[in-house]
C-alpha atoms as a PDB file:
ATOM      1  CA  UNK A   1     -83.062  22.179  56.823  1.00  0.00           C
ATOM      2  CA  UNK A   2     -84.210  25.105  54.821  1.00  0.00           C
ATOM      3  CA  UNK A   3     -85.218  24.674  51.004  1.00  0.00           C
ATOM      4  CA  UNK A   4     -85.472  26.504  48.340  1.00  0.00           C
ATOM      5  CA  UNK A   5     -88.819  26.612  46.258  1.00  0.00           C
ATOM      6  CA  UNK A   6     -88.656  28.108  42.864  1.00  0.00           C
ATOM      7  CA  UNK A   7     -92.012  29.679  41.911  1.00  0.00           C
ATOM      8  CA  UNK A   8     -92.426  30.393  38.262  1.00  0.00           C
ATOM      9  CA  UNK A   9     -94.992  31.343  35.767  1.00  0.00           C
ATOM     10  CA  UNK A  10     -96.368  34.161  38.367  1.00  0.00           C
ATOM     11  CA  UNK A  11     -98.449  36.929  37.667  1.00  0.00           C
ATOM     12  CA  UNK A  12     -96.277  40.082  37.414  1.00  0.00           C
ATOM     13  CA  UNK A  13     -98.753  41.481  40.198  1.00  0.00           C
ATOM     14  CA  UNK A  14     -97.937  38.963  42.764  1.00  0.00           C
ATOM     15  CA  UNK A  15     -96.781  40.259  45.480  1.00  0.00           C
ATOM     16  CA  UNK A  16     -94.059  39.254  48.042  1.00  0.00           C
ATOM     17  CA  UNK A  17     -97.108  39.077  51.012  1.00  0.00           C
ATOM     18  CA  UNK A  18     -98.989  37.267  48.268  1.00  0.00           C
ATOM     19  CA  UNK A  19     -96.641  34.249  48.050  1.00  0.00           C
ATOM     20  CA  UNK A  20     -96.154  34.406  51.645  1.00  0.00           C
ATOM     21  CA  UNK A  21     -99.435  33.806  52.520  1.00  0.00           C
ATOM     22  CA  UNK A  22    -100.424  31.169  49.770  1.00  0.00           C
ATOM     23  CA  UNK A  23     -97.176  29.103  51.190  1.00  0.00           C
ATOM     24  CA  UNK A  24     -97.696  29.774  54.786  1.00  0.00           C
ATOM     25  CA  UNK A  25    -100.460  27.568  54.174  1.00  0.00           C
ATOM     26  CA  UNK A  26     -98.530  24.488  54.625  1.00  0.00           C
ATOM     27  CA  UNK A  27     -95.407  25.703  56.863  1.00  0.00           C
ATOM     28  CA  UNK A  28     -93.386  28.298  58.168  1.00  0.00           C
ATOM     29  CA  UNK A  29     -92.079  30.816  55.409  1.00  0.00           C
ATOM     30  CA  UNK A  30     -88.266  32.018  56.215  1.00  0.00           C
ATOM     31  CA  UNK A  31     -87.916  34.524  53.262  1.00  0.00           C
ATOM     32  CA  UNK A  32     -89.896  35.528  50.018  1.00  0.00           C
ATOM     33  CA  UNK A  33     -87.783  36.719  47.330  1.00  0.00           C
ATOM     34  CA  UNK A  34     -89.458  38.180  43.895  1.00  0.00           C
ATOM     35  CA  UNK A  35     -86.952  38.778  41.087  1.00  0.00           C
ATOM     36  CA  UNK A  36     -87.012  42.031  39.150  1.00  0.00           C
ATOM     37  CA  UNK A  37     -85.569  43.395  35.984  1.00  0.00           C
ATOM     38  CA  UNK A  38     -82.267  44.967  36.849  1.00  0.00           C
ATOM     39  CA  UNK A  39     -82.176  47.639  34.332  1.00  0.00           C
ATOM     40  CA  UNK A  40     -86.477  48.593  34.399  1.00  0.00           C
ATOM     41  CA  UNK A  41     -87.048  46.610  37.922  1.00  0.00           C
ATOM     42  CA  UNK A  42     -90.459  45.620  36.662  1.00  0.00           C
ATOM     43  CA  UNK A  43     -90.896  41.830  38.415  1.00  0.00           C
ATOM     44  CA  UNK A  44     -89.679  39.158  35.766  1.00  0.00           C
ATOM     45  CA  UNK A  45     -92.782  36.261  36.767  1.00  0.00           C
ATOM     46  CA  UNK A  46     -90.735  33.959  39.239  1.00  0.00           C
ATOM     47  CA  UNK A  47     -88.785  34.316  42.874  1.00  0.00           C
ATOM     48  CA  UNK A  48     -87.823  31.990  45.678  1.00  0.00           C
ATOM     49  CA  UNK A  49     -89.521  31.041  48.759  1.00  0.00           C
ATOM     50  CA  UNK A  50     -87.641  29.580  51.502  1.00  0.00           C
ATOM     51  CA  UNK A  51     -88.808  26.702  53.986  1.00  0.00           C
ATOM     52  CA  UNK A  52     -88.757  24.063  56.198  1.00  0.00           C
ATOM     53  CA  UNK A  53     -87.459  20.372  54.018  1.00  0.00           C
ATOM     54  CA  UNK A  54     -91.035  19.133  54.777  1.00  0.00           C
ATOM     55  CA  UNK A  55     -93.206  22.112  54.206  1.00  0.00           C
ATOM     56  CA  UNK A  56     -91.459  22.575  51.147  1.00  0.00           C
ATOM     57  CA  UNK A  57     -92.295  19.310  49.881  1.00  0.00           C
ATOM     58  CA  UNK A  58     -96.078  19.610  50.909  1.00  0.00           C
ATOM     59  CA  UNK A  59     -96.589  23.163  49.499  1.00  0.00           C
ATOM     60  CA  UNK A  60     -94.441  22.014  46.004  1.00  0.00           C
ATOM     61  CA  UNK A  61     -97.321  18.696  46.083  1.00  0.00           C
ATOM     62  CA  UNK A  62    -100.003  21.566  46.603  1.00  0.00           C
ATOM     63  CA  UNK A  63     -98.837  24.556  44.765  1.00  0.00           C
ATOM     64  CA  UNK A  64     -97.078  23.192  41.459  1.00  0.00           C
ATOM     65  CA  UNK A  65     -99.849  24.062  38.544  1.00  0.00           C
ATOM     66  CA  UNK A  66    -102.049  25.731  40.571  1.00  0.00           C
ATOM     67  CA  UNK A  67    -103.790  28.752  38.267  1.00  0.00           C
ATOM     68  CA  UNK A  68    -103.465  32.218  39.770  1.00  0.00           C
ATOM     69  CA  UNK A  69    -104.346  35.288  37.656  1.00  0.00           C
ATOM     70  CA  UNK A  70    -104.970  32.366  34.681  1.00  0.00           C
ATOM     71  CA  UNK A  71    -101.449  30.933  34.954  1.00  0.00           C
ATOM     72  CA  UNK A  72    -100.319  27.843  36.465  1.00  0.00           C
ATOM     73  CA  UNK A  73     -97.958  28.201  38.636  1.00  0.00           C
ATOM     74  CA  UNK A  74     -94.417  26.313  38.512  1.00  0.00           C
ATOM     75  CA  UNK A  75     -93.136  25.206  41.638  1.00  0.00           C
ATOM     76  CA  UNK A  76     -90.139  23.079  42.377  1.00  0.00           C
ATOM     77  CA  UNK A  77     -87.189  22.597  44.339  1.00  0.00           C
ATOM     78  CA  UNK A  78     -84.325  25.366  43.373  1.00  0.00           C
ATOM     79  CA  UNK A  79     -81.377  24.836  41.429  1.00  0.00           C
ATOM     80  CA  UNK A  80     -78.237  25.621  42.434  1.00  0.00           C
ATOM     81  CA  UNK A  81     -76.881  28.302  39.832  1.00  0.00           C
ATOM     82  CA  UNK A  82     -74.121  27.195  38.474  1.00  0.00           C
ATOM     83  CA  UNK A  83     -71.355  29.581  39.012  1.00  0.00           C
ATOM     84  CA  UNK A  84     -69.517  31.616  36.081  1.00  0.00           C
ATOM     85  CA  UNK A  85     -65.945  31.752  35.584  1.00  0.00           C
ATOM     86  CA  UNK A  86     -64.460  34.896  36.514  1.00  0.00           C
ATOM     87  CA  UNK A  87     -64.059  37.648  33.507  1.00  0.00           C
ATOM     88  CA  UNK A  88     -61.319  38.622  32.251  1.00  0.00           C
ATOM     89  CA  UNK A  89     -59.851  42.102  32.940  1.00  0.00           C
ATOM     90  CA  UNK A  90     -59.709  44.513  30.348  1.00  0.00           C
END
């Protein structure tokens, strides 16, 4: 079963390949997505990695708090985004 892992407090220069390499040391990485600002296209300093459940827990335990580029990573299981009520039409 795939688990989505939240990775926060990333240096803005972090690439998807770097994240794939960091997490790949703990198991197979199925996907990596860095989040960018919609308007500027600049990185927002967080992303998501998908891995198998056992590998995900191993990666979380190993990487949470790890210093990358002078910043301690925040790594945990991603929470489901609460659904928003539909916007009223105008």
